[in-house]
């Protein structure tokens, strides 16, 4: 069996489209189709079922995927051995929720790249869970520990959240001395039906009804608060980036969550990614401590 055919098979399985796979592989769609046909003939099995929605993997294709992924990981590992232990090189793509991607990762990854000039890092910031089986990223950061899948999971770091509002907002509205006073204030938060992980349902945990000002983006919520729009839950590590904001009822209302570093199980054989993960975890914990300490 030709590895190149398996590589094309994985690209189609992950993208569910010949044209999308061709773009990733940098070959034309007709060639992708011919190579899939050749692989199916050699295996005497139908690997995909074409439909209006694209190319769906058949039962035979599903049985082939883990073997193809193991071959892919073995080739990556072989390449790592040839590169040697010096410095981190190549490209690493990280999927992360936008709060982490905007206010924690940039300075950490900039430092890692300063120490490893041959390294290229991409952050994909999306308000959803990443599909590592489809290779949307080399690793992902989640706010919940996944319960299923061929994944390895390490705790990246704990973090804390508090209510916050701008000084201007607080000066113009009724004082907030206890949780009971919150009912007189307008809240900013997530769009309820777009909360992709239960760990993000902060306002419900505090006992606040759906907010009149909402976004699926942490950055948009933070800018609402900076504009004096109301009160909302803010990551402590984001507060240094928003000096207009102050914490509200910090001793009475506070939340603790965790970020988890999630990787495809096969990638644990890739020493470059293992070393990158070790550095990322170490620096994330140090940076989190620095940022949270700076807000008191």
C-alpha atoms as a PDB file:
ATOM      1  CA  UNK A   1       0.000   0.000   0.000  1.00  0.00           C
ATOM      2  CA  UNK A   2       1.378   3.398  -1.049  1.00  0.00           C
ATOM      3  CA  UNK A   3       1.760   5.932   1.811  1.00  0.00           C
ATOM      4  CA  UNK A   4       1.006   8.773  -0.586  1.00  0.00           C
ATOM      5  CA  UNK A   5      -2.387   7.208  -1.322  1.00  0.00           C
ATOM      6  CA  UNK A   6      -3.046   6.965   2.423  1.00  0.00           C
ATOM      7  CA  UNK A   7      -2.068  10.617   2.834  1.00  0.00           C
ATOM      8  CA  UNK A   8      -4.628  11.589   0.186  1.00  0.00           C
ATOM      9  CA  UNK A   9      -7.221   9.317   1.792  1.00  0.00           C
ATOM     10  CA  UNK A  10      -6.758  11.077   5.157  1.00  0.00           C
ATOM     11  CA  UNK A  11      -7.069  14.514   3.569  1.00  0.00           C
ATOM     12  CA  UNK A  12     -10.392  13.591   1.933  1.00  0.00           C
ATOM     13  CA  UNK A  13     -11.669  11.913   5.110  1.00  0.00           C
ATOM     14  CA  UNK A  14     -10.878  15.016   7.158  1.00  0.00           C
ATOM     15  CA  UNK A  15     -12.209  17.586   4.717  1.00  0.00           C
ATOM     16  CA  UNK A  16     -15.099  15.487   3.283  1.00  0.00           C
ATOM     17  CA  UNK A  17     -14.416  17.060  -0.117  1.00  0.00           C
ATOM     18  CA  UNK A  18     -12.107  16.387  -3.061  1.00  0.00           C
ATOM     19  CA  UNK A  19     -11.598  20.092  -3.740  1.00  0.00           C
ATOM     20  CA  UNK A  20     -10.860  20.936  -0.095  1.00  0.00           C
ATOM     21  CA  UNK A  21      -8.439  18.009   0.144  1.00  0.00           C
ATOM     22  CA  UNK A  22      -6.766  19.090  -3.098  1.00  0.00           C
ATOM     23  CA  UNK A  23      -6.206  22.577  -1.667  1.00  0.00           C
ATOM     24  CA  UNK A  24      -4.545  21.118   1.437  1.00  0.00           C
ATOM     25  CA  UNK A  25      -2.439  18.704  -0.624  1.00  0.00           C
ATOM     26  CA  UNK A  26      -1.634  21.311  -3.303  1.00  0.00           C
ATOM     27  CA  UNK A  27      -2.662  19.023  -6.163  1.00  0.00           C
ATOM     28  CA  UNK A  28      -5.656  19.194  -8.485  1.00  0.00           C
ATOM     29  CA  UNK A  29      -9.009  17.604  -7.485  1.00  0.00           C
ATOM     30  CA  UNK A  30      -8.980  15.229 -10.477  1.00  0.00           C
ATOM     31  CA  UNK A  31      -5.710  13.720  -9.249  1.00  0.00           C
ATOM     32  CA  UNK A  32      -7.177  13.327  -5.757  1.00  0.00           C
ATOM     33  CA  UNK A  33     -10.153  11.488  -7.226  1.00  0.00           C
ATOM     34  CA  UNK A  34      -7.951   9.177  -9.301  1.00  0.00           C
ATOM     35  CA  UNK A  35      -5.736   8.346  -6.339  1.00  0.00           C
ATOM     36  CA  UNK A  36      -8.742   7.536  -4.148  1.00  0.00           C
ATOM     37  CA  UNK A  37     -10.071   5.301  -6.901  1.00  0.00           C
ATOM     38  CA  UNK A  38      -6.701   3.539  -7.130  1.00  0.00           C
ATOM     39  CA  UNK A  39      -6.621   2.954  -3.392  1.00  0.00           C
ATOM     40  CA  UNK A  40     -10.173   1.599  -3.403  1.00  0.00           C
ATOM     41  CA  UNK A  41      -9.276  -0.775  -6.254  1.00  0.00           C
ATOM     42  CA  UNK A  42      -6.171  -2.019  -4.432  1.00  0.00           C
ATOM     43  CA  UNK A  43      -8.186  -2.678  -1.268  1.00  0.00           C
ATOM     44  CA  UNK A  44     -11.261  -3.926  -3.131  1.00  0.00           C
ATOM     45  CA  UNK A  45     -13.376  -1.716  -0.865  1.00  0.00           C
ATOM     46  CA  UNK A  46     -15.425   1.467  -1.170  1.00  0.00           C
ATOM     47  CA  UNK A  47     -13.892   4.058   1.173  1.00  0.00           C
ATOM     48  CA  UNK A  48     -16.233   6.984   0.479  1.00  0.00           C
ATOM     49  CA  UNK A  49     -19.882   7.490  -0.359  1.00  0.00           C
ATOM     50  CA  UNK A  50     -20.466  10.572  -2.488  1.00  0.00           C
ATOM     51  CA  UNK A  51     -23.495  12.677  -1.557  1.00  0.00           C
ATOM     52  CA  UNK A  52     -24.705  16.268  -2.088  1.00  0.00           C
ATOM     53  CA  UNK A  53     -22.981  17.118   1.211  1.00  0.00           C
ATOM     54  CA  UNK A  54     -19.622  15.767   0.044  1.00  0.00           C
ATOM     55  CA  UNK A  55     -17.606  12.593   0.539  1.00  0.00           C
ATOM     56  CA  UNK A  56     -18.757  10.591   3.566  1.00  0.00           C
ATOM     57  CA  UNK A  57     -16.435   7.917   4.925  1.00  0.00           C
ATOM     58  CA  UNK A  58     -17.866   4.393   4.671  1.00  0.00           C
ATOM     59  CA  UNK A  59     -17.508   1.645   7.289  1.00  0.00           C
ATOM     60  CA  UNK A  60     -14.476   0.339   5.413  1.00  0.00           C
ATOM     61  CA  UNK A  61     -12.991   3.825   5.393  1.00  0.00           C
ATOM     62  CA  UNK A  62     -13.577   4.215   9.111  1.00  0.00           C
ATOM     63  CA  UNK A  63     -11.645   0.985   9.719  1.00  0.00           C
ATOM     64  CA  UNK A  64      -8.768   2.295   7.631  1.00  0.00           C
ATOM     65  CA  UNK A  65      -8.475   5.718   9.325  1.00  0.00           C
ATOM     66  CA  UNK A  66      -6.643   4.642  12.536  1.00  0.00           C
ATOM     67  CA  UNK A  67      -4.096   2.632  10.520  1.00  0.00           C
ATOM     68  CA  UNK A  68      -3.502   5.555   8.170  1.00  0.00           C
ATOM     69  CA  UNK A  69      -3.106   7.909  11.126  1.00  0.00           C
ATOM     70  CA  UNK A  70      -0.592   5.572  12.745  1.00  0.00           C
ATOM     71  CA  UNK A  71       1.432   5.555   9.513  1.00  0.00           C
ATOM     72  CA  UNK A  72       1.226   9.360   9.419  1.00  0.00           C
ATOM     73  CA  UNK A  73       2.456   9.617  13.025  1.00  0.00           C
ATOM     74  CA  UNK A  74       5.288   7.146  12.380  1.00  0.00           C
ATOM     75  CA  UNK A  75       6.518   9.222   9.435  1.00  0.00           C
ATOM     76  CA  UNK A  76       6.363  12.395  11.507  1.00  0.00           C
ATOM     77  CA  UNK A  77       8.311  10.699  14.295  1.00  0.00           C
ATOM     78  CA  UNK A  78      10.937   9.505  11.810  1.00  0.00           C
ATOM     79  CA  UNK A  79      11.336  13.053  10.564  1.00  0.00           C
ATOM     80  CA  UNK A  80      11.781  14.274  14.141  1.00  0.00           C
ATOM     81  CA  UNK A  81      14.592  11.797  14.729  1.00  0.00           C
ATOM     82  CA  UNK A  82      16.437  13.123  11.681  1.00  0.00           C
ATOM     83  CA  UNK A  83      16.081  16.721  12.857  1.00  0.00           C
ATOM     84  CA  UNK A  84      17.806  15.984  16.162  1.00  0.00           C
ATOM     85  CA  UNK A  85      17.160  17.492  19.602  1.00  0.00           C
ATOM     86  CA  UNK A  86      18.239  21.064  18.880  1.00  0.00           C
ATOM     87  CA  UNK A  87      15.612  23.805  19.038  1.00  0.00           C
ATOM     88  CA  UNK A  88      11.991  23.650  17.983  1.00  0.00           C
ATOM     89  CA  UNK A  89      11.365  24.009  14.253  1.00  0.00           C
ATOM     90  CA  UNK A  90       8.542  23.720  11.762  1.00  0.00           C
ATOM     91  CA  UNK A  91       4.918  24.759  12.063  1.00  0.00           C
ATOM     92  CA  UNK A  92       2.607  24.204  15.030  1.00  0.00           C
ATOM     93  CA  UNK A  93      -1.068  25.166  14.827  1.00  0.00           C
ATOM     94  CA  UNK A  94      -2.988  25.649  18.087  1.00  0.00           C
ATOM     95  CA  UNK A  95      -6.756  25.917  18.367  1.00  0.00           C
ATOM     96  CA  UNK A  96      -7.939  27.923  21.362  1.00  0.00           C
ATOM     97  CA  UNK A  97     -11.011  29.713  22.726  1.00  0.00           C
ATOM     98  CA  UNK A  98     -10.776  33.402  21.956  1.00  0.00           C
ATOM     99  CA  UNK A  99     -10.182  34.602  25.521  1.00  0.00           C
ATOM    100  CA  UNK A 100      -7.116  32.397  25.823  1.00  0.00           C
ATOM    101  CA  UNK A 101      -6.064  33.176  22.256  1.00  0.00           C
ATOM    102  CA  UNK A 102      -6.267  36.954  22.743  1.00  0.00           C
ATOM    103  CA  UNK A 103      -5.039  37.555  26.279  1.00  0.00           C
ATOM    104  CA  UNK A 104      -2.782  34.634  27.236  1.00  0.00           C
ATOM    105  CA  UNK A 105      -1.202  32.912  24.250  1.00  0.00           C
ATOM    106  CA  UNK A 106       0.325  35.798  22.212  1.00  0.00           C
ATOM    107  CA  UNK A 107       3.017  36.810  24.695  1.00  0.00           C
ATOM    108  CA  UNK A 108       3.784  33.177  25.586  1.00  0.00           C
ATOM    109  CA  UNK A 109       4.172  32.081  21.969  1.00  0.00           C
ATOM    110  CA  UNK A 110       6.147  35.176  21.031  1.00  0.00           C
ATOM    111  CA  UNK A 111       8.658  34.238  23.728  1.00  0.00           C
ATOM    112  CA  UNK A 112       8.854  30.630  22.572  1.00  0.00           C
ATOM    113  CA  UNK A 113       9.464  31.767  18.981  1.00  0.00           C
ATOM    114  CA  UNK A 114      12.139  34.210  20.153  1.00  0.00           C
ATOM    115  CA  UNK A 115      13.997  31.245  21.646  1.00  0.00           C
ATOM    116  CA  UNK A 116      13.371  29.050  18.582  1.00  0.00           C
ATOM    117  CA  UNK A 117      13.821  31.083  15.369  1.00  0.00           C
ATOM    118  CA  UNK A 118      12.997  28.076  13.190  1.00  0.00           C
ATOM    119  CA  UNK A 119       9.539  27.698  14.750  1.00  0.00           C
ATOM    120  CA  UNK A 120       6.313  28.936  13.139  1.00  0.00           C
ATOM    121  CA  UNK A 121       3.202  29.075  15.336  1.00  0.00           C
ATOM    122  CA  UNK A 122      -0.391  29.665  14.227  1.00  0.00           C
ATOM    123  CA  UNK A 123      -3.283  30.418  16.610  1.00  0.00           C
ATOM    124  CA  UNK A 124      -6.780  29.565  15.409  1.00  0.00           C
ATOM    125  CA  UNK A 125      -9.203  31.416  17.707  1.00  0.00           C
ATOM    126  CA  UNK A 126     -12.719  30.070  17.420  1.00  0.00           C
ATOM    127  CA  UNK A 127     -15.578  29.856  19.939  1.00  0.00           C
ATOM    128  CA  UNK A 128     -16.039  26.114  19.585  1.00  0.00           C
ATOM    129  CA  UNK A 129     -14.425  22.725  20.226  1.00  0.00           C
ATOM    130  CA  UNK A 130     -11.704  21.759  17.721  1.00  0.00           C
ATOM    131  CA  UNK A 131     -11.745  18.454  15.842  1.00  0.00           C
ATOM    132  CA  UNK A 132      -8.216  17.088  16.131  1.00  0.00           C
ATOM    133  CA  UNK A 133      -9.146  13.923  14.232  1.00  0.00           C
ATOM    134  CA  UNK A 134      -9.691  16.138  11.179  1.00  0.00           C
ATOM    135  CA  UNK A 135      -6.338  17.814  11.851  1.00  0.00           C
ATOM    136  CA  UNK A 136      -7.849  21.271  12.226  1.00  0.00           C
ATOM    137  CA  UNK A 137      -4.912  21.904  14.563  1.00  0.00           C
ATOM    138  CA  UNK A 138      -1.874  20.086  15.953  1.00  0.00           C
ATOM    139  CA  UNK A 139      -3.167  20.676  19.465  1.00  0.00           C
ATOM    140  CA  UNK A 140      -6.082  22.454  21.053  1.00  0.00           C
ATOM    141  CA  UNK A 141      -6.827  24.224  24.295  1.00  0.00           C
ATOM    142  CA  UNK A 142     -10.208  23.474  25.825  1.00  0.00           C
ATOM    143  CA  UNK A 143     -12.147  24.608  28.873  1.00  0.00           C
ATOM    144  CA  UNK A 144     -13.396  21.086  29.587  1.00  0.00           C
ATOM    145  CA  UNK A 145     -11.526  17.811  29.718  1.00  0.00           C
ATOM    146  CA  UNK A 146     -12.811  15.703  26.778  1.00  0.00           C
ATOM    147  CA  UNK A 147     -14.572  12.485  27.709  1.00  0.00           C
ATOM    148  CA  UNK A 148     -14.074  10.529  24.473  1.00  0.00           C
ATOM    149  CA  UNK A 149     -11.816  10.164  21.456  1.00  0.00           C
ATOM    150  CA  UNK A 150      -8.234   9.058  20.821  1.00  0.00           C
ATOM    151  CA  UNK A 151      -6.789  12.015  22.672  1.00  0.00           C
ATOM    152  CA  UNK A 152      -4.184  12.829  25.291  1.00  0.00           C
ATOM    153  CA  UNK A 153      -5.027  15.559  27.781  1.00  0.00           C
ATOM    154  CA  UNK A 154      -2.807  17.594  30.104  1.00  0.00           C
ATOM    155  CA  UNK A 155      -3.871  20.414  32.388  1.00  0.00           C
ATOM    156  CA  UNK A 156      -2.421  23.624  30.991  1.00  0.00           C
ATOM    157  CA  UNK A 157      -3.295  25.894  33.909  1.00  0.00           C
ATOM    158  CA  UNK A 158      -6.073  26.954  36.258  1.00  0.00           C
ATOM    159  CA  UNK A 159      -7.518  30.454  35.941  1.00  0.00           C
ATOM    160  CA  UNK A 160      -9.925  32.701  37.818  1.00  0.00           C
ATOM    161  CA  UNK A 161     -12.794  34.978  36.864  1.00  0.00           C
ATOM    162  CA  UNK A 162     -14.633  37.818  38.613  1.00  0.00           C
ATOM    163  CA  UNK A 163     -17.390  40.266  37.891  1.00  0.00           C
ATOM    164  CA  UNK A 164     -16.064  43.521  36.485  1.00  0.00           C
ATOM    165  CA  UNK A 165     -17.278  46.857  35.161  1.00  0.00           C
ATOM    166  CA  UNK A 166     -15.724  50.126  34.034  1.00  0.00           C
ATOM    167  CA  UNK A 167     -15.102  52.888  36.522  1.00  0.00           C
ATOM    168  CA  UNK A 168     -17.340  55.172  34.462  1.00  0.00           C
ATOM    169  CA  UNK A 169     -20.219  52.711  34.580  1.00  0.00           C
ATOM    170  CA  UNK A 170     -19.915  52.238  38.330  1.00  0.00           C
ATOM    171  CA  UNK A 171     -19.784  56.004  38.922  1.00  0.00           C
ATOM    172  CA  UNK A 172     -23.048  56.540  37.010  1.00  0.00           C
ATOM    173  CA  UNK A 173     -25.107  53.699  38.453  1.00  0.00           C
ATOM    174  CA  UNK A 174     -26.359  52.440  41.794  1.00  0.00           C
ATOM    175  CA  UNK A 175     -23.610  51.149  44.090  1.00  0.00           C
ATOM    176  CA  UNK A 176     -22.969  47.407  44.248  1.00  0.00           C
ATOM    177  CA  UNK A 177     -22.341  46.391  47.854  1.00  0.00           C
ATOM    178  CA  UNK A 178     -23.823  42.876  47.788  1.00  0.00           C
ATOM    179  CA  UNK A 179     -25.064  40.258  45.329  1.00  0.00           C
ATOM    180  CA  UNK A 180     -28.617  41.528  45.881  1.00  0.00           C
ATOM    181  CA  UNK A 181     -27.644  44.874  44.317  1.00  0.00           C
ATOM    182  CA  UNK A 182     -26.800  43.187  41.006  1.00  0.00           C
ATOM    183  CA  UNK A 183     -30.466  42.995  40.013  1.00  0.00           C
ATOM    184  CA  UNK A 184     -30.450  46.738  39.348  1.00  0.00           C
ATOM    185  CA  UNK A 185     -27.661  46.467  36.778  1.00  0.00           C
ATOM    186  CA  UNK A 186     -27.375  45.539  33.122  1.00  0.00           C
ATOM    187  CA  UNK A 187     -25.239  42.513  32.324  1.00  0.00           C
ATOM    188  CA  UNK A 188     -22.949  41.551  29.466  1.00  0.00           C
ATOM    189  CA  UNK A 189     -22.268  37.884  28.671  1.00  0.00           C
ATOM    190  CA  UNK A 190     -22.445  35.038  26.204  1.00  0.00           C
ATOM    191  CA  UNK A 191     -25.317  34.502  23.775  1.00  0.00           C
ATOM    192  CA  UNK A 192     -27.082  31.670  25.654  1.00  0.00           C
ATOM    193  CA  UNK A 193     -27.700  29.346  22.697  1.00  0.00           C
ATOM    194  CA  UNK A 194     -24.116  29.788  21.459  1.00  0.00           C
ATOM    195  CA  UNK A 195     -22.384  28.661  24.626  1.00  0.00           C
ATOM    196  CA  UNK A 196     -20.376  25.717  23.277  1.00  0.00           C
ATOM    197  CA  UNK A 197     -19.211  24.384  26.649  1.00  0.00           C
ATOM    198  CA  UNK A 198     -21.093  24.262  29.956  1.00  0.00           C
ATOM    199  CA  UNK A 199     -17.999  25.601  31.744  1.00  0.00           C
ATOM    200  CA  UNK A 200     -18.609  28.938  29.997  1.00  0.00           C
ATOM    201  CA  UNK A 201     -22.105  29.430  31.405  1.00  0.00           C
ATOM    202  CA  UNK A 202     -20.779  31.800  34.045  1.00  0.00           C
ATOM    203  CA  UNK A 203     -23.852  33.978  34.552  1.00  0.00           C
ATOM    204  CA  UNK A 204     -26.125  30.998  35.121  1.00  0.00           C
ATOM    205  CA  UNK A 205     -23.777  29.799  37.853  1.00  0.00           C
ATOM    206  CA  UNK A 206     -23.970  33.211  39.499  1.00  0.00           C
ATOM    207  CA  UNK A 207     -27.768  33.227  39.142  1.00  0.00           C
ATOM    208  CA  UNK A 208     -28.072  35.962  36.486  1.00  0.00           C
ATOM    209  CA  UNK A 209     -30.735  35.746  33.781  1.00  0.00           C
ATOM    210  CA  UNK A 210     -29.689  35.913  30.098  1.00  0.00           C
ATOM    211  CA  UNK A 211     -27.925  39.249  29.505  1.00  0.00           C
ATOM    212  CA  UNK A 212     -29.389  42.016  27.331  1.00  0.00           C
ATOM    213  CA  UNK A 213     -25.944  42.614  25.789  1.00  0.00           C
ATOM    214  CA  UNK A 214     -24.302  39.437  24.546  1.00  0.00           C
ATOM    215  CA  UNK A 215     -21.690  38.028  22.194  1.00  0.00           C
ATOM    216  CA  UNK A 216     -20.089  34.659  21.482  1.00  0.00           C
ATOM    217  CA  UNK A 217     -16.707  36.440  21.677  1.00  0.00           C
ATOM    218  CA  UNK A 218     -14.852  37.156  24.912  1.00  0.00           C
ATOM    219  CA  UNK A 219     -13.146  40.128  23.251  1.00  0.00           C
ATOM    220  CA  UNK A 220     -16.455  41.691  22.254  1.00  0.00           C
ATOM    221  CA  UNK A 221     -17.802  41.199  25.775  1.00  0.00           C
ATOM    222  CA  UNK A 222     -14.684  42.859  27.197  1.00  0.00           C
ATOM    223  CA  UNK A 223     -15.112  45.822  24.850  1.00  0.00           C
ATOM    224  CA  UNK A 224     -18.758  46.159  25.860  1.00  0.00           C
ATOM    225  CA  UNK A 225     -17.586  46.467  29.456  1.00  0.00           C
ATOM    226  CA  UNK A 226     -14.799  48.900  28.562  1.00  0.00           C
ATOM    227  CA  UNK A 227     -17.418  51.060  26.837  1.00  0.00           C
ATOM    228  CA  UNK A 228     -19.404  51.260  30.079  1.00  0.00           C
ATOM    229  CA  UNK A 229     -22.217  48.989  28.907  1.00  0.00           C
ATOM    230  CA  UNK A 230     -22.708  47.085  32.160  1.00  0.00           C
ATOM    231  CA  UNK A 231     -21.333  44.366  34.413  1.00  0.00           C
ATOM    232  CA  UNK A 232     -19.908  41.042  33.225  1.00  0.00           C
ATOM    233  CA  UNK A 233     -17.685  38.102  34.091  1.00  0.00           C
ATOM    234  CA  UNK A 234     -14.060  38.693  33.089  1.00  0.00           C
ATOM    235  CA  UNK A 235     -10.974  36.496  33.156  1.00  0.00           C
ATOM    236  CA  UNK A 236      -8.515  37.878  35.681  1.00  0.00           C
ATOM    237  CA  UNK A 237      -5.719  37.322  33.152  1.00  0.00           C
ATOM    238  CA  UNK A 238      -7.498  39.674  30.715  1.00  0.00           C
ATOM    239  CA  UNK A 239      -7.851  42.559  33.176  1.00  0.00           C
ATOM    240  CA  UNK A 240      -4.318  43.937  32.609  1.00  0.00           C
ATOM    241  CA  UNK A 241      -5.366  44.534  28.983  1.00  0.00           C
ATOM    242  CA  UNK A 242      -8.398  46.558  30.143  1.00  0.00           C
ATOM    243  CA  UNK A 243      -7.245  49.092  32.765  1.00  0.00           C
ATOM    244  CA  UNK A 244     -10.650  50.817  32.598  1.00  0.00           C
ATOM    245  CA  UNK A 245     -12.200  47.855  34.404  1.00  0.00           C
ATOM    246  CA  UNK A 246     -12.320  47.042  38.097  1.00  0.00           C
ATOM    247  CA  UNK A 247     -13.493  43.903  39.791  1.00  0.00           C
ATOM    248  CA  UNK A 248     -16.935  43.918  41.430  1.00  0.00           C
ATOM    249  CA  UNK A 249     -17.663  42.021  44.671  1.00  0.00           C
ATOM    250  CA  UNK A 250     -14.337  40.156  44.360  1.00  0.00           C
ATOM    251  CA  UNK A 251     -14.554  38.449  47.744  1.00  0.00           C
ATOM    252  CA  UNK A 252     -18.171  37.396  47.283  1.00  0.00           C
ATOM    253  CA  UNK A 253     -18.339  36.193  43.667  1.00  0.00           C
ATOM    254  CA  UNK A 254     -15.439  34.403  42.003  1.00  0.00           C
ATOM    255  CA  UNK A 255     -15.100  31.439  39.666  1.00  0.00           C
ATOM    256  CA  UNK A 256     -12.267  29.007  38.970  1.00  0.00           C
ATOM    257  CA  UNK A 257     -11.809  27.123  35.701  1.00  0.00           C
ATOM    258  CA  UNK A 258      -9.036  25.215  33.917  1.00  0.00           C
ATOM    259  CA  UNK A 259      -7.517  25.201  30.452  1.00  0.00           C
ATOM    260  CA  UNK A 260      -6.647  21.747  29.083  1.00  0.00           C
ATOM    261  CA  UNK A 261      -4.058  21.008  26.407  1.00  0.00           C
ATOM    262  CA  UNK A 262      -5.558  18.391  24.087  1.00  0.00           C
ATOM    263  CA  UNK A 263      -3.650  16.406  21.464  1.00  0.00           C
ATOM    264  CA  UNK A 264      -4.314  13.503  19.131  1.00  0.00           C
ATOM    265  CA  UNK A 265      -3.018  10.298  20.743  1.00  0.00           C
ATOM    266  CA  UNK A 266      -0.793   9.447  17.771  1.00  0.00           C
ATOM    267  CA  UNK A 267       1.091  12.737  18.139  1.00  0.00           C
ATOM    268  CA  UNK A 268       2.640  11.667  21.436  1.00  0.00           C
ATOM    269  CA  UNK A 269       5.246   9.869  19.303  1.00  0.00           C
ATOM    270  CA  UNK A 270       6.316  13.156  17.729  1.00  0.00           C
ATOM    271  CA  UNK A 271       9.117  14.488  19.926  1.00  0.00           C
ATOM    272  CA  UNK A 272       8.914  18.021  18.491  1.00  0.00           C
ATOM    273  CA  UNK A 273       5.283  18.345  19.579  1.00  0.00           C
ATOM    274  CA  UNK A 274       6.066  16.770  22.962  1.00  0.00           C
ATOM    275  CA  UNK A 275       8.825  19.313  23.572  1.00  0.00           C
ATOM    276  CA  UNK A 276       6.616  22.169  22.392  1.00  0.00           C
ATOM    277  CA  UNK A 277       3.832  21.046  24.751  1.00  0.00           C
ATOM    278  CA  UNK A 278       6.239  20.920  27.697  1.00  0.00           C
ATOM    279  CA  UNK A 279       7.463  24.459  27.037  1.00  0.00           C
ATOM    280  CA  UNK A 280       3.924  25.751  26.472  1.00  0.00           C
ATOM    281  CA  UNK A 281       2.632  24.311  29.749  1.00  0.00           C
ATOM    282  CA  UNK A 282       5.548  25.651  31.760  1.00  0.00           C
ATOM    283  CA  UNK A 283       5.308  29.148  30.323  1.00  0.00           C
ATOM    284  CA  UNK A 284       1.492  29.267  30.468  1.00  0.00           C
ATOM    285  CA  UNK A 285       1.527  28.579  34.203  1.00  0.00           C
ATOM    286  CA  UNK A 286       4.189  31.228  34.812  1.00  0.00           C
ATOM    287  CA  UNK A 287       2.391  33.822  32.671  1.00  0.00           C
ATOM    288  CA  UNK A 288      -0.966  33.082  34.299  1.00  0.00           C
ATOM    289  CA  UNK A 289       0.551  33.605  37.739  1.00  0.00           C
ATOM    290  CA  UNK A 290       2.116  36.894  36.607  1.00  0.00           C
ATOM    291  CA  UNK A 291      -1.080  38.264  35.060  1.00  0.00           C
ATOM    292  CA  UNK A 292      -3.384  37.273  37.904  1.00  0.00           C
ATOM    293  CA  UNK A 293      -1.001  38.587  40.546  1.00  0.00           C
ATOM    294  CA  UNK A 294      -0.823  41.931  38.759  1.00  0.00           C
ATOM    295  CA  UNK A 295      -4.558  42.564  39.343  1.00  0.00           C
ATOM    296  CA  UNK A 296      -4.377  41.750  43.051  1.00  0.00           C
END
